[in-house]
């Protein structure tokens, strides 16, 4: 499999700089994924608070809406987590 340089626009194609660029690119992708997951979890927690408040106040309409939003958020998080590809070489 050939690697197309993402950071240098394809100028680095061999040598130690290519390996460093691959590592930096992978690090950036992982960091971005973590940021997205963090934001998704914050949003899910906000929906959970709305749901809990609706249950306390016995507001069935708000409870149903929040419950559907929680299910959607949980499904999206599950999908995102299942899409993680583990590099067999880095597993301990």
C-alpha atoms as a PDB file:
ATOM      1  CA  UNK A   1       0.000   0.000   0.000  1.00  0.00           C
ATOM      2  CA  UNK A   2       1.391   3.369  -0.905  1.00  0.00           C
ATOM      3  CA  UNK A   3       1.195   6.360   1.392  1.00  0.00           C
ATOM      4  CA  UNK A   4       0.321   9.769  -0.054  1.00  0.00           C
ATOM      5  CA  UNK A   5       1.736  12.558   2.021  1.00  0.00           C
ATOM      6  CA  UNK A   6      -1.056  14.609   3.589  1.00  0.00           C
ATOM      7  CA  UNK A   7       1.008  17.311   5.219  1.00  0.00           C
ATOM      8  CA  UNK A   8       3.591  18.123   2.559  1.00  0.00           C
ATOM      9  CA  UNK A   9       1.347  17.634  -0.443  1.00  0.00           C
ATOM     10  CA  UNK A  10       3.210  14.555  -1.623  1.00  0.00           C
ATOM     11  CA  UNK A  11       6.721  16.024  -1.661  1.00  0.00           C
ATOM     12  CA  UNK A  12       8.059  13.608   0.943  1.00  0.00           C
ATOM     13  CA  UNK A  13       8.012  10.097  -0.466  1.00  0.00           C
ATOM     14  CA  UNK A  14      10.893   8.201   1.197  1.00  0.00           C
ATOM     15  CA  UNK A  15      13.182   8.248   4.171  1.00  0.00           C
ATOM     16  CA  UNK A  16      12.888   9.209   7.803  1.00  0.00           C
ATOM     17  CA  UNK A  17      10.840  12.322   7.054  1.00  0.00           C
ATOM     18  CA  UNK A  18       8.097  10.182   5.515  1.00  0.00           C
ATOM     19  CA  UNK A  19       7.901   8.029   8.651  1.00  0.00           C
ATOM     20  CA  UNK A  20       7.805  11.139  10.840  1.00  0.00           C
ATOM     21  CA  UNK A  21       5.090  12.626   8.645  1.00  0.00           C
ATOM     22  CA  UNK A  22       3.029   9.428   8.900  1.00  0.00           C
ATOM     23  CA  UNK A  23       3.327   9.521  12.693  1.00  0.00           C
ATOM     24  CA  UNK A  24       2.356  13.202  12.874  1.00  0.00           C
ATOM     25  CA  UNK A  25      -0.576  12.662  10.525  1.00  0.00           C
ATOM     26  CA  UNK A  26      -1.848   9.715  12.582  1.00  0.00           C
ATOM     27  CA  UNK A  27      -1.434  11.725  15.787  1.00  0.00           C
ATOM     28  CA  UNK A  28      -3.453  14.617  14.330  1.00  0.00           C
ATOM     29  CA  UNK A  29      -6.224  12.270  13.174  1.00  0.00           C
ATOM     30  CA  UNK A  30      -6.379  10.653  16.612  1.00  0.00           C
ATOM     31  CA  UNK A  31      -6.421  14.024  18.346  1.00  0.00           C
ATOM     32  CA  UNK A  32      -9.261  15.212  16.119  1.00  0.00           C
ATOM     33  CA  UNK A  33     -11.206  12.016  16.845  1.00  0.00           C
ATOM     34  CA  UNK A  34     -10.748  12.539  20.597  1.00  0.00           C
ATOM     35  CA  UNK A  35     -11.978  16.131  20.320  1.00  0.00           C
ATOM     36  CA  UNK A  36     -15.063  15.011  18.390  1.00  0.00           C
ATOM     37  CA  UNK A  37     -15.789  12.249  20.908  1.00  0.00           C
ATOM     38  CA  UNK A  38     -15.397  14.701  23.797  1.00  0.00           C
ATOM     39  CA  UNK A  39     -17.837  17.152  22.190  1.00  0.00           C
ATOM     40  CA  UNK A  40     -20.286  14.322  21.483  1.00  0.00           C
ATOM     41  CA  UNK A  41     -20.135  13.164  25.098  1.00  0.00           C
ATOM     42  CA  UNK A  42     -20.742  16.722  26.348  1.00  0.00           C
ATOM     43  CA  UNK A  43     -23.789  16.991  24.109  1.00  0.00           C
ATOM     44  CA  UNK A  44     -25.052  13.600  25.259  1.00  0.00           C
ATOM     45  CA  UNK A  45     -24.653  14.646  28.895  1.00  0.00           C
ATOM     46  CA  UNK A  46     -26.684  17.820  28.226  1.00  0.00           C
ATOM     47  CA  UNK A  47     -29.463  15.712  26.695  1.00  0.00           C
ATOM     48  CA  UNK A  48     -29.324  13.393  29.717  1.00  0.00           C
ATOM     49  CA  UNK A  49     -29.847  16.376  32.037  1.00  0.00           C
ATOM     50  CA  UNK A  50     -32.858  17.486  29.988  1.00  0.00           C
ATOM     51  CA  UNK A  51     -34.238  13.943  30.116  1.00  0.00           C
ATOM     52  CA  UNK A  52     -33.729  13.672  33.882  1.00  0.00           C
ATOM     53  CA  UNK A  53     -35.446  17.020  34.429  1.00  0.00           C
ATOM     54  CA  UNK A  54     -38.391  15.983  32.231  1.00  0.00           C
ATOM     55  CA  UNK A  55     -38.766  12.768  34.245  1.00  0.00           C
ATOM     56  CA  UNK A  56     -38.671  14.715  37.548  1.00  0.00           C
ATOM     57  CA  UNK A  57     -41.278  17.174  36.282  1.00  0.00           C
ATOM     58  CA  UNK A  58     -43.397  14.387  34.775  1.00  0.00           C
ATOM     59  CA  UNK A  59     -43.301  16.088  31.351  1.00  0.00           C
ATOM     60  CA  UNK A  60     -44.032  13.144  29.062  1.00  0.00           C
ATOM     61  CA  UNK A  61     -43.592  15.085  25.818  1.00  0.00           C
ATOM     62  CA  UNK A  62     -40.151  16.442  26.759  1.00  0.00           C
ATOM     63  CA  UNK A  63     -39.215  13.045  28.193  1.00  0.00           C
ATOM     64  CA  UNK A  64     -40.070  11.282  24.933  1.00  0.00           C
ATOM     65  CA  UNK A  65     -38.168  13.818  22.844  1.00  0.00           C
ATOM     66  CA  UNK A  66     -35.101  13.647  25.080  1.00  0.00           C
ATOM     67  CA  UNK A  67     -35.246   9.843  25.149  1.00  0.00           C
ATOM     68  CA  UNK A  68     -35.189   9.699  21.337  1.00  0.00           C
ATOM     69  CA  UNK A  69     -32.308  12.191  21.283  1.00  0.00           C
ATOM     70  CA  UNK A  70     -30.409  10.070  23.830  1.00  0.00           C
ATOM     71  CA  UNK A  71     -30.932   6.961  21.731  1.00  0.00           C
ATOM     72  CA  UNK A  72     -29.680   8.778  18.630  1.00  0.00           C
ATOM     73  CA  UNK A  73     -26.641  10.112  20.505  1.00  0.00           C
ATOM     74  CA  UNK A  74     -25.859   6.663  21.916  1.00  0.00           C
ATOM     75  CA  UNK A  75     -26.163   5.090  18.467  1.00  0.00           C
ATOM     76  CA  UNK A  76     -23.838   7.682  16.934  1.00  0.00           C
ATOM     77  CA  UNK A  77     -21.270   7.142  19.701  1.00  0.00           C
ATOM     78  CA  UNK A  78     -21.477   3.372  19.265  1.00  0.00           C
ATOM     79  CA  UNK A  79     -20.979   3.737  15.533  1.00  0.00           C
ATOM     80  CA  UNK A  80     -17.998   6.038  16.026  1.00  0.00           C
ATOM     81  CA  UNK A  81     -16.400   3.681  18.532  1.00  0.00           C
ATOM     82  CA  UNK A  82     -16.949   0.657  16.308  1.00  0.00           C
ATOM     83  CA  UNK A  83     -15.200   2.430  13.445  1.00  0.00           C
ATOM     84  CA  UNK A  84     -11.916   2.621  15.317  1.00  0.00           C
ATOM     85  CA  UNK A  85      -9.329   0.509  13.544  1.00  0.00           C
ATOM     86  CA  UNK A  86      -6.670  -0.991  15.762  1.00  0.00           C
ATOM     87  CA  UNK A  87      -3.174  -1.231  14.406  1.00  0.00           C
ATOM     88  CA  UNK A  88      -2.169  -4.822  15.137  1.00  0.00           C
ATOM     89  CA  UNK A  89       1.485  -3.864  15.323  1.00  0.00           C
ATOM     90  CA  UNK A  90       0.867  -1.411  18.180  1.00  0.00           C
ATOM     91  CA  UNK A  91      -1.308  -3.713  20.304  1.00  0.00           C
ATOM     92  CA  UNK A  92       0.312  -4.982  23.461  1.00  0.00           C
END
